[in-house]
PDB file of all heavy atoms in Angstrom:
ATOM      1  N   VAL A   1      95.995  11.307 197.458  1.00  0.00           N
ATOM      2  CA  VAL A   1      97.048  11.654 196.504  1.00  0.00           C
ATOM      3  C   VAL A   1      96.378  12.245 195.271  1.00  0.00           C
ATOM      4  O   VAL A   1      95.579  11.578 194.621  1.00  0.00           O
ATOM      5  CB  VAL A   1      97.894  10.415 196.113  1.00  0.00           C
ATOM      6  CG1 VAL A   1      98.950  10.796 195.085  1.00  0.00           C
ATOM      7  CG2 VAL A   1      98.527   9.787 197.341  1.00  0.00           C
ATOM      8  N   TRP A   2      96.703  13.485 194.978  1.00  0.00           N
ATOM      9  CA  TRP A   2      96.190  14.149 193.780  1.00  0.00           C
ATOM     10  C   TRP A   2      97.349  14.334 192.811  1.00  0.00           C
ATOM     11  O   TRP A   2      98.319  15.014 193.108  1.00  0.00           O
ATOM     12  CB  TRP A   2      95.590  15.508 194.122  1.00  0.00           C
ATOM     13  CG  TRP A   2      94.357  15.459 194.975  1.00  0.00           C
ATOM     14  CD1 TRP A   2      93.623  14.362 195.318  1.00  0.00           C
ATOM     15  CD2 TRP A   2      93.717  16.565 195.603  1.00  0.00           C
ATOM     16  NE1 TRP A   2      92.579  14.724 196.122  1.00  0.00           N
ATOM     17  CE2 TRP A   2      92.600  16.073 196.312  1.00  0.00           C
ATOM     18  CE3 TRP A   2      93.978  17.934 195.649  1.00  0.00           C
ATOM     19  CZ2 TRP A   2      91.753  16.891 197.043  1.00  0.00           C
ATOM     20  CZ3 TRP A   2      93.140  18.756 196.373  1.00  0.00           C
ATOM     21  CH2 TRP A   2      92.029  18.236 197.055  1.00  0.00           C
ATOM     22  N   ARG A   3      97.247  13.747 191.661  1.00  0.00           N
ATOM     23  CA  ARG A   3      98.293  13.873 190.632  1.00  0.00           C
ATOM     24  C   ARG A   3      97.927  15.054 189.733  1.00  0.00           C
ATOM     25  O   ARG A   3      97.491  14.858 188.605  1.00  0.00           O
ATOM     26  CB  ARG A   3      98.440  12.564 189.889  1.00  0.00           C
ATOM     27  CG  ARG A   3      99.000  11.476 190.782  1.00  0.00           C
ATOM     28  CD  ARG A   3      98.940  10.088 190.178  1.00  0.00           C
ATOM     29  NE  ARG A   3      99.386   9.110 191.151  1.00  0.00           N
ATOM     30  CZ  ARG A   3      98.575   8.522 192.041  1.00  0.00           C
ATOM     31  NH1 ARG A   3      97.288   8.816 192.075  1.00  0.00           N
ATOM     32  NH2 ARG A   3      99.060   7.641 192.902  1.00  0.00           N
ATOM     33  N   LEU A   4      98.116  16.252 190.269  1.00  0.00           N
ATOM     34  CA  LEU A   4      97.680  17.470 189.594  1.00  0.00           C
ATOM     35  C   LEU A   4      98.688  18.010 188.592  1.00  0.00           C
ATOM     36  O   LEU A   4      98.340  18.847 187.767  1.00  0.00           O
ATOM     37  CB  LEU A   4      97.415  18.578 190.630  1.00  0.00           C
ATOM     38  CG  LEU A   4      96.316  18.315 191.647  1.00  0.00           C
ATOM     39  CD1 LEU A   4      96.216  19.487 192.624  1.00  0.00           C
ATOM     40  CD2 LEU A   4      94.993  18.091 190.947  1.00  0.00           C
ATOM     41  N   LEU A   5      99.924  17.550 188.668  1.00  0.00           N
ATOM     42  CA  LEU A   5     100.980  18.106 187.828  1.00  0.00           C
ATOM     43  C   LEU A   5     101.493  17.092 186.828  1.00  0.00           C
ATOM     44  O   LEU A   5     101.469  15.890 187.074  1.00  0.00           O
ATOM     45  CB  LEU A   5     102.147  18.579 188.695  1.00  0.00           C
ATOM     46  CG  LEU A   5     101.858  19.698 189.674  1.00  0.00           C
ATOM     47  CD1 LEU A   5     103.050  19.895 190.605  1.00  0.00           C
ATOM     48  CD2 LEU A   5     101.530  20.980 188.939  1.00  0.00           C
ATOM     49  N   ARG A   6     101.994  17.631 185.731  1.00  0.00           N
ATOM     50  CA  ARG A   6     102.705  16.792 184.768  1.00  0.00           C
ATOM     51  C   ARG A   6     103.974  17.531 184.363  1.00  0.00           C
ATOM     52  O   ARG A   6     104.014  18.767 184.366  1.00  0.00           O
ATOM     53  CB  ARG A   6     101.847  16.470 183.548  1.00  0.00           C
ATOM     54  CG  ARG A   6     101.477  17.658 182.716  1.00  0.00           C
ATOM     55  CD  ARG A   6     100.529  17.277 181.565  1.00  0.00           C
ATOM     56  NE  ARG A   6     100.032  18.451 180.914  1.00  0.00           N
ATOM     57  CZ  ARG A   6     100.632  19.055 179.887  1.00  0.00           C
ATOM     58  NH1 ARG A   6     101.767  18.568 179.398  1.00  0.00           N
ATOM     59  NH2 ARG A   6     100.123  20.139 179.348  1.00  0.00           N
ATOM     60  N   ARG A   7     104.999  16.778 184.075  1.00  0.00           N
ATOM     61  CA  ARG A   7     106.256  17.364 183.593  1.00  0.00           C
ATOM     62  C   ARG A   7     106.150  17.377 182.083  1.00  0.00           C
ATOM     63  O   ARG A   7     106.114  16.329 181.442  1.00  0.00           O
ATOM     64  CB  ARG A   7     107.440  16.517 184.078  1.00  0.00           C
ATOM     65  CG  ARG A   7     108.794  16.930 183.553  1.00  0.00           C
ATOM     66  CD  ARG A   7     109.397  18.036 184.382  1.00  0.00           C
ATOM     67  NE  ARG A   7     110.582  18.554 183.735  1.00  0.00           N
ATOM     68  CZ  ARG A   7     111.772  18.608 184.309  1.00  0.00           C
ATOM     69  NH1 ARG A   7     111.928  18.192 185.541  1.00  0.00           N
ATOM     70  NH2 ARG A   7     112.792  19.090 183.656  1.00  0.00           N
ATOM     71  N   ARG A   8     106.054  18.565 181.502  1.00  0.00           N
ATOM     72  CA  ARG A   8     105.810  18.639 180.064  1.00  0.00           C
ATOM     73  C   ARG A   8     107.074  18.854 179.246  1.00  0.00           C
ATOM     74  O   ARG A   8     107.053  18.693 178.035  1.00  0.00           O
ATOM     75  CB  ARG A   8     104.791  19.729 179.757  1.00  0.00           C
ATOM     76  CG  ARG A   8     105.247  21.120 180.090  1.00  0.00           C
ATOM     77  CD  ARG A   8     104.180  22.115 179.724  1.00  0.00           C
ATOM     78  NE  ARG A   8     104.570  23.450 180.140  1.00  0.00           N
ATOM     79  CZ  ARG A   8     103.777  24.475 180.072  1.00  0.00           C
ATOM     80  NH1 ARG A   8     102.554  24.325 179.628  1.00  0.00           N
ATOM     81  NH2 ARG A   8     104.193  25.650 180.455  1.00  0.00           N
ATOM     82  N   ARG A   9     108.145  19.261 179.883  1.00  0.00           N
ATOM     83  CA  ARG A   9     109.383  19.495 179.155  1.00  0.00           C
ATOM     84  C   ARG A   9     110.475  18.623 179.737  1.00  0.00           C
ATOM     85  O   ARG A   9     110.691  18.612 180.931  1.00  0.00           O
ATOM     86  CB  ARG A   9     109.766  20.980 179.264  1.00  0.00           C
ATOM     87  CG  ARG A   9     110.664  21.451 178.156  1.00  0.00           C
ATOM     88  CD  ARG A   9     110.831  22.961 178.168  1.00  0.00           C
ATOM     89  NE  ARG A   9     111.244  23.523 179.441  1.00  0.00           N
ATOM     90  CZ  ARG A   9     112.445  23.381 179.981  1.00  0.00           C
ATOM     91  NH1 ARG A   9     113.361  22.675 179.373  1.00  0.00           N
ATOM     92  NH2 ARG A   9     112.736  23.941 181.127  1.00  0.00           N
ATOM     93  N   HIS A  10     111.145  17.879 178.854  1.00  0.00           N
ATOM     94  CA  HIS A  10     112.216  16.990 179.285  1.00  0.00           C
ATOM     95  C   HIS A  10     113.539  17.744 179.209  1.00  0.00           C
ATOM     96  O   HIS A  10     113.818  18.429 178.242  1.00  0.00           O
ATOM     97  CB  HIS A  10     112.252  15.761 178.383  1.00  0.00           C
ATOM     98  CG  HIS A  10     113.211  14.701 178.824  1.00  0.00           C
ATOM     99  ND1 HIS A  10     113.181  14.157 180.086  1.00  0.00           N
ATOM    100  CD2 HIS A  10     114.223  14.086 178.179  1.00  0.00           C
ATOM    101  CE1 HIS A  10     114.129  13.241 180.189  1.00  0.00           C
ATOM    102  NE2 HIS A  10     114.779  13.192 179.049  1.00  0.00           N
ATOM    103  N   GLY A  11     114.335  17.632 180.236  1.00  0.00           N
ATOM    104  CA  GLY A  11     115.647  18.281 180.255  1.00  0.00           C
ATOM    105  C   GLY A  11     116.607  17.418 181.029  1.00  0.00           C
ATOM    106  O   GLY A  11     116.250  16.327 181.493  1.00  0.00           O
ATOM    107  N   PRO A  12     117.818  17.906 181.205  1.00  0.00           N
ATOM    108  CA  PRO A  12     118.784  17.124 181.973  1.00  0.00           C
ATOM    109  C   PRO A  12     118.332  17.003 183.427  1.00  0.00           C
ATOM    110  O   PRO A  12     117.608  17.866 183.923  1.00  0.00           O
ATOM    111  CB  PRO A  12     120.079  17.934 181.859  1.00  0.00           C
ATOM    112  CG  PRO A  12     119.660  19.310 181.473  1.00  0.00           C
ATOM    113  CD  PRO A  12     118.358  19.178 180.740  1.00  0.00           C
ATOM    114  N   PRO A  13     118.723  15.940 184.105  1.00  0.00           N
ATOM    115  CA  PRO A  13     118.363  15.803 185.525  1.00  0.00           C
ATOM    116  C   PRO A  13     118.891  16.991 186.321  1.00  0.00           C
ATOM    117  O   PRO A  13     120.012  17.451 186.094  1.00  0.00           O
ATOM    118  CB  PRO A  13     119.045  14.505 185.958  1.00  0.00           C
ATOM    119  CG  PRO A  13     119.382  13.779 184.700  1.00  0.00           C
ATOM    120  CD  PRO A  13     119.534  14.821 183.636  1.00  0.00           C
ATOM    121  N   GLN A  14     118.093  17.465 187.253  1.00  0.00           N
ATOM    122  CA  GLN A  14     118.498  18.601 188.083  1.00  0.00           C
ATOM    123  C   GLN A  14     119.813  18.329 188.804  1.00  0.00           C
ATOM    124  O   GLN A  14     120.634  19.213 188.968  1.00  0.00           O
ATOM    125  CB  GLN A  14     117.408  18.920 189.110  1.00  0.00           C
ATOM    126  CG  GLN A  14     116.167  19.555 188.523  1.00  0.00           C
ATOM    127  CD  GLN A  14     116.406  20.957 188.011  1.00  0.00           C
ATOM    128  OE1 GLN A  14     116.719  21.166 186.856  1.00  0.00           O
ATOM    129  NE2 GLN A  14     116.258  21.917 188.891  1.00  0.00           N
ATOM    130  N   ALA A  15     119.991  17.085 189.248  1.00  0.00           N
ATOM    131  CA  ALA A  15     121.197  16.742 190.012  1.00  0.00           C
ATOM    132  C   ALA A  15     122.467  16.936 189.199  1.00  0.00           C
ATOM    133  O   ALA A  15     123.542  17.106 189.763  1.00  0.00           O
ATOM    134  CB  ALA A  15     121.106  15.301 190.503  1.00  0.00           C
ATOM    135  N   SER A  16     122.354  16.941 187.872  1.00  0.00           N
ATOM    136  CA  SER A  16     123.544  17.093 187.034  1.00  0.00           C
ATOM    137  C   SER A  16     123.882  18.550 186.750  1.00  0.00           C
ATOM    138  O   SER A  16     124.886  18.830 186.102  1.00  0.00           O
ATOM    139  CB  SER A  16     123.340  16.354 185.709  1.00  0.00           C
ATOM    140  OG  SER A  16     122.369  17.027 184.911  1.00  0.00           O
ATOM    141  N   LEU A  17     123.048  19.482 187.230  1.00  0.00           N
ATOM    142  CA  LEU A  17     123.241  20.896 186.907  1.00  0.00           C
ATOM    143  C   LEU A  17     123.745  21.691 188.103  1.00  0.00           C
ATOM    144  O   LEU A  17     123.355  21.423 189.235  1.00  0.00           O
ATOM    145  CB  LEU A  17     121.912  21.510 186.450  1.00  0.00           C
ATOM    146  CG  LEU A  17     121.290  20.915 185.198  1.00  0.00           C
ATOM    147  CD1 LEU A  17     119.920  21.534 184.967  1.00  0.00           C
ATOM    148  CD2 LEU A  17     122.182  21.132 183.994  1.00  0.00           C
ATOM    149  N   PRO A  18     124.557  22.716 187.835  1.00  0.00           N
ATOM    150  CA  PRO A  18     124.941  23.615 188.927  1.00  0.00           C
ATOM    151  C   PRO A  18     123.726  24.438 189.349  1.00  0.00           C
ATOM    152  O   PRO A  18     122.793  24.651 188.571  1.00  0.00           O
ATOM    153  CB  PRO A  18     126.028  24.499 188.303  1.00  0.00           C
ATOM    154  CG  PRO A  18     125.823  24.411 186.827  1.00  0.00           C
ATOM    155  CD  PRO A  18     125.185  23.066 186.567  1.00  0.00           C
ATOM    156  N   ALA A  19     123.731  24.907 190.566  1.00  0.00           N
ATOM    157  CA  ALA A  19     122.578  25.617 191.127  1.00  0.00           C
ATOM    158  C   ALA A  19     122.034  26.732 190.240  1.00  0.00           C
ATOM    159  O   ALA A  19     120.816  26.815 190.059  1.00  0.00           O
ATOM    160  CB  ALA A  19     122.930  26.149 192.516  1.00  0.00           C
ATOM    161  N   PRO A  20     122.851  27.593 189.649  1.00  0.00           N
ATOM    162  CA  PRO A  20     122.295  28.689 188.853  1.00  0.00           C
ATOM    163  C   PRO A  20     121.494  28.227 187.629  1.00  0.00           C
ATOM    164  O   PRO A  20     120.595  28.921 187.177  1.00  0.00           O
ATOM    165  CB  PRO A  20     123.519  29.483 188.409  1.00  0.00           C
ATOM    166  CG  PRO A  20     124.602  29.119 189.357  1.00  0.00           C
ATOM    167  CD  PRO A  20     124.297  27.718 189.796  1.00  0.00           C
ATOM    168  N   ARG A  21     121.792  27.049 187.090  1.00  0.00           N
ATOM    169  CA  ARG A  21     121.090  26.569 185.896  1.00  0.00           C
ATOM    170  C   ARG A  21     119.820  25.794 186.216  1.00  0.00           C
ATOM    171  O   ARG A  21     119.018  25.521 185.331  1.00  0.00           O
ATOM    172  CB  ARG A  21     122.028  25.670 185.087  1.00  0.00           C
ATOM    173  CG  ARG A  21     123.178  26.472 184.492  1.00  0.00           C
ATOM    174  CD  ARG A  21     123.670  26.015 183.144  1.00  0.00           C
ATOM    175  NE  ARG A  21     122.749  25.316 182.312  1.00  0.00           N
ATOM    176  CZ  ARG A  21     123.025  24.141 181.734  1.00  0.00           C
ATOM    177  NH1 ARG A  21     124.166  23.546 181.937  1.00  0.00           N
ATOM    178  NH2 ARG A  21     122.131  23.566 180.945  1.00  0.00           N
ATOM    179  N   ARG A  22     119.605  25.436 187.476  1.00  0.00           N
ATOM    180  CA  ARG A  22     118.453  24.612 187.824  1.00  0.00           C
ATOM    181  C   ARG A  22     117.129  25.318 187.567  1.00  0.00           C
ATOM    182  O   ARG A  22     116.202  24.725 187.038  1.00  0.00           O
ATOM    183  CB  ARG A  22     118.546  24.147 189.273  1.00  0.00           C
ATOM    184  CG  ARG A  22     119.666  23.138 189.450  1.00  0.00           C
ATOM    185  CD  ARG A  22     119.820  22.711 190.886  1.00  0.00           C
ATOM    186  NE  ARG A  22     120.960  21.825 190.993  1.00  0.00           N
ATOM    187  CZ  ARG A  22     120.974  20.716 191.688  1.00  0.00           C
ATOM    188  NH1 ARG A  22     119.922  20.354 192.373  1.00  0.00           N
ATOM    189  NH2 ARG A  22     122.045  19.970 191.735  1.00  0.00           N
ATOM    190  N   ARG A  23     117.016  26.578 187.953  1.00  0.00           N
ATOM    191  CA  ARG A  23     115.763  27.314 187.727  1.00  0.00           C
ATOM    192  C   ARG A  23     115.476  27.461 186.237  1.00  0.00           C
ATOM    193  O   ARG A  23     114.346  27.291 185.799  1.00  0.00           O
ATOM    194  CB  ARG A  23     115.801  28.672 188.409  1.00  0.00           C
ATOM    195  CG  ARG A  23     115.707  28.540 189.904  1.00  0.00           C
ATOM    196  CD  ARG A  23     115.305  29.809 190.611  1.00  0.00           C
ATOM    197  NE  ARG A  23     115.516  29.688 192.041  1.00  0.00           N
ATOM    198  CZ  ARG A  23     114.734  29.036 192.870  1.00  0.00           C
ATOM    199  NH1 ARG A  23     113.665  28.429 192.443  1.00  0.00           N
ATOM    200  NH2 ARG A  23     115.017  28.969 194.165  1.00  0.00           N
ATOM    201  N   ALA A  24     116.491  27.773 185.450  1.00  0.00           N
ATOM    202  CA  ALA A  24     116.304  27.908 184.003  1.00  0.00           C
ATOM    203  C   ALA A  24     115.871  26.580 183.380  1.00  0.00           C
ATOM    204  O   ALA A  24     115.038  26.558 182.479  1.00  0.00           O
ATOM    205  CB  ALA A  24     117.601  28.400 183.349  1.00  0.00           C
ATOM    206  N   ASN A  25     116.400  25.481 183.871  1.00  0.00           N
ATOM    207  CA  ASN A  25     116.043  24.160 183.368  1.00  0.00           C
ATOM    208  C   ASN A  25     114.566  23.839 183.612  1.00  0.00           C
ATOM    209  O   ASN A  25     113.972  23.054 182.886  1.00  0.00           O
ATOM    210  CB  ASN A  25     116.931  23.103 184.037  1.00  0.00           C
ATOM    211  CG  ASN A  25     116.702  21.711 183.487  1.00  0.00           C
ATOM    212  OD1 ASN A  25     116.685  21.493 182.284  1.00  0.00           O
ATOM    213  ND2 ASN A  25     116.523  20.757 184.381  1.00  0.00           N
ATOM    214  N   LEU A  26     113.978  24.457 184.621  1.00  0.00           N
ATOM    215  CA  LEU A  26     112.589  24.157 184.989  1.00  0.00           C
ATOM    216  C   LEU A  26     111.586  25.169 184.459  1.00  0.00           C
ATOM    217  O   LEU A  26     110.392  25.034 184.693  1.00  0.00           O
ATOM    218  CB  LEU A  26     112.470  24.074 186.511  1.00  0.00           C
ATOM    219  CG  LEU A  26     113.221  22.905 187.124  1.00  0.00           C
ATOM    220  CD1 LEU A  26     113.215  23.007 188.631  1.00  0.00           C
ATOM    221  CD2 LEU A  26     112.627  21.593 186.669  1.00  0.00           C
ATOM    222  N   ARG A  27     112.059  26.190 183.735  1.00  0.00           N
ATOM    223  CA  ARG A  27     111.138  27.198 183.221  1.00  0.00           C
ATOM    224  C   ARG A  27     110.096  26.527 182.323  1.00  0.00           C
ATOM    225  O   ARG A  27     110.429  25.822 181.392  1.00  0.00           O
ATOM    226  CB  ARG A  27     111.918  28.258 182.448  1.00  0.00           C
ATOM    227  CG  ARG A  27     111.134  29.542 182.272  1.00  0.00           C
ATOM    228  CD  ARG A  27     111.996  30.697 181.821  1.00  0.00           C
ATOM    229  NE  ARG A  27     112.902  31.113 182.880  1.00  0.00           N
ATOM    230  CZ  ARG A  27     114.227  31.118 182.763  1.00  0.00           C
ATOM    231  NH1 ARG A  27     114.809  30.747 181.668  1.00  0.00           N
ATOM    232  NH2 ARG A  27     114.974  31.509 183.784  1.00  0.00           N
ATOM    233  N   ARG A  28     108.846  26.690 182.678  1.00  0.00           N
ATOM    234  CA  ARG A  28     107.689  26.118 181.956  1.00  0.00           C
ATOM    235  C   ARG A  28     107.758  24.592 181.839  1.00  0.00           C
ATOM    236  O   ARG A  28     107.233  24.013 180.901  1.00  0.00           O
ATOM    237  CB  ARG A  28     107.533  26.769 180.590  1.00  0.00           C
ATOM    238  CG  ARG A  28     107.187  28.239 180.663  1.00  0.00           C
ATOM    239  CD  ARG A  28     106.986  28.870 179.307  1.00  0.00           C
ATOM    240  NE  ARG A  28     108.170  28.879 178.458  1.00  0.00           N
ATOM    241  CZ  ARG A  28     109.195  29.715 178.569  1.00  0.00           C
ATOM    242  NH1 ARG A  28     109.192  30.627 179.491  1.00  0.00           N
ATOM    243  NH2 ARG A  28     110.212  29.642 177.745  1.00  0.00           N
ATOM    244  N   ALA A  29     108.428  23.942 182.779  1.00  0.00           N
ATOM    245  CA  ALA A  29     108.559  22.482 182.729  1.00  0.00           C
ATOM    246  C   ALA A  29     107.335  21.772 183.295  1.00  0.00           C
ATOM    247  O   ALA A  29     107.066  20.629 182.941  1.00  0.00           O
ATOM    248  CB  ALA A  29     109.803  22.040 183.489  1.00  0.00           C
ATOM    249  N   TYR A  30     106.574  22.435 184.177  1.00  0.00           N
ATOM    250  CA  TYR A  30     105.417  21.796 184.815  1.00  0.00           C
ATOM    251  C   TYR A  30     104.124  22.477 184.389  1.00  0.00           C
ATOM    252  O   TYR A  30     104.088  23.683 184.162  1.00  0.00           O
ATOM    253  CB  TYR A  30     105.544  21.844 186.346  1.00  0.00           C
ATOM    254  CG  TYR A  30     106.724  21.052 186.842  1.00  0.00           C
ATOM    255  CD1 TYR A  30     107.915  21.676 187.174  1.00  0.00           C
ATOM    256  CD2 TYR A  30     106.650  19.667 186.950  1.00  0.00           C
ATOM    257  CE1 TYR A  30     109.000  20.951 187.610  1.00  0.00           C
ATOM    258  CE2 TYR A  30     107.739  18.933 187.377  1.00  0.00           C
ATOM    259  CZ  TYR A  30     108.909  19.579 187.705  1.00  0.00           C
ATOM    260  OH  TYR A  30     109.997  18.859 188.126  1.00  0.00           O
ATOM    261  N   ALA A  31     103.085  21.673 184.311  1.00  0.00           N
ATOM    262  CA  ALA A  31     101.757  22.184 183.975  1.00  0.00           C
ATOM    263  C   ALA A  31     100.733  21.353 184.719  1.00  0.00           C
ATOM    264  O   ALA A  31     101.038  20.264 185.220  1.00  0.00           O
ATOM    265  CB  ALA A  31     101.506  22.094 182.471  1.00  0.00           C
ATOM    266  N   LEU A  32      99.512  21.862 184.781  1.00  0.00           N
ATOM    267  CA  LEU A  32      98.437  21.076 185.387  1.00  0.00           C
ATOM    268  C   LEU A  32      98.157  19.867 184.522  1.00  0.00           C
ATOM    269  O   LEU A  32      98.163  19.960 183.298  1.00  0.00           O
ATOM    270  CB  LEU A  32      97.160  21.909 185.502  1.00  0.00           C
ATOM    271  CG  LEU A  32      97.097  22.910 186.620  1.00  0.00           C
ATOM    272  CD1 LEU A  32      95.730  23.592 186.619  1.00  0.00           C
ATOM    273  CD2 LEU A  32      97.340  22.267 187.961  1.00  0.00           C
ATOM    274  N   SER A  33      97.892  18.755 185.140  1.00  0.00           N
ATOM    275  CA  SER A  33      97.562  17.548 184.380  1.00  0.00           C
ATOM    276  C   SER A  33      96.061  17.380 184.260  1.00  0.00           C
ATOM    277  O   SER A  33      95.596  16.491 183.578  1.00  0.00           O
ATOM    278  CB  SER A  33      98.165  16.312 185.055  1.00  0.00           C
ATOM    279  OG  SER A  33      97.590  16.137 186.327  1.00  0.00           O
ATOM    280  N   VAL A  34      95.313  18.259 184.914  1.00  0.00           N
ATOM    281  CA  VAL A  34      93.856  18.144 184.918  1.00  0.00           C
ATOM    282  C   VAL A  34      93.323  18.685 183.604  1.00  0.00           C
ATOM    283  O   VAL A  34      93.419  19.868 183.320  1.00  0.00           O
ATOM    284  CB  VAL A  34      93.250  18.924 186.110  1.00  0.00           C
ATOM    285  CG1 VAL A  34      91.753  18.841 186.089  1.00  0.00           C
ATOM    286  CG2 VAL A  34      93.816  18.400 187.411  1.00  0.00           C
TER     287      VAL A  34
END
């Protein structure tokens, strides 16, 4: 198990969003944790 990623931006849960807004919610949300 390699924990290479971190979630750097907090936003609403994906499950609460309609499909078109999900990608926008994740823009720059993940980064390398290394």
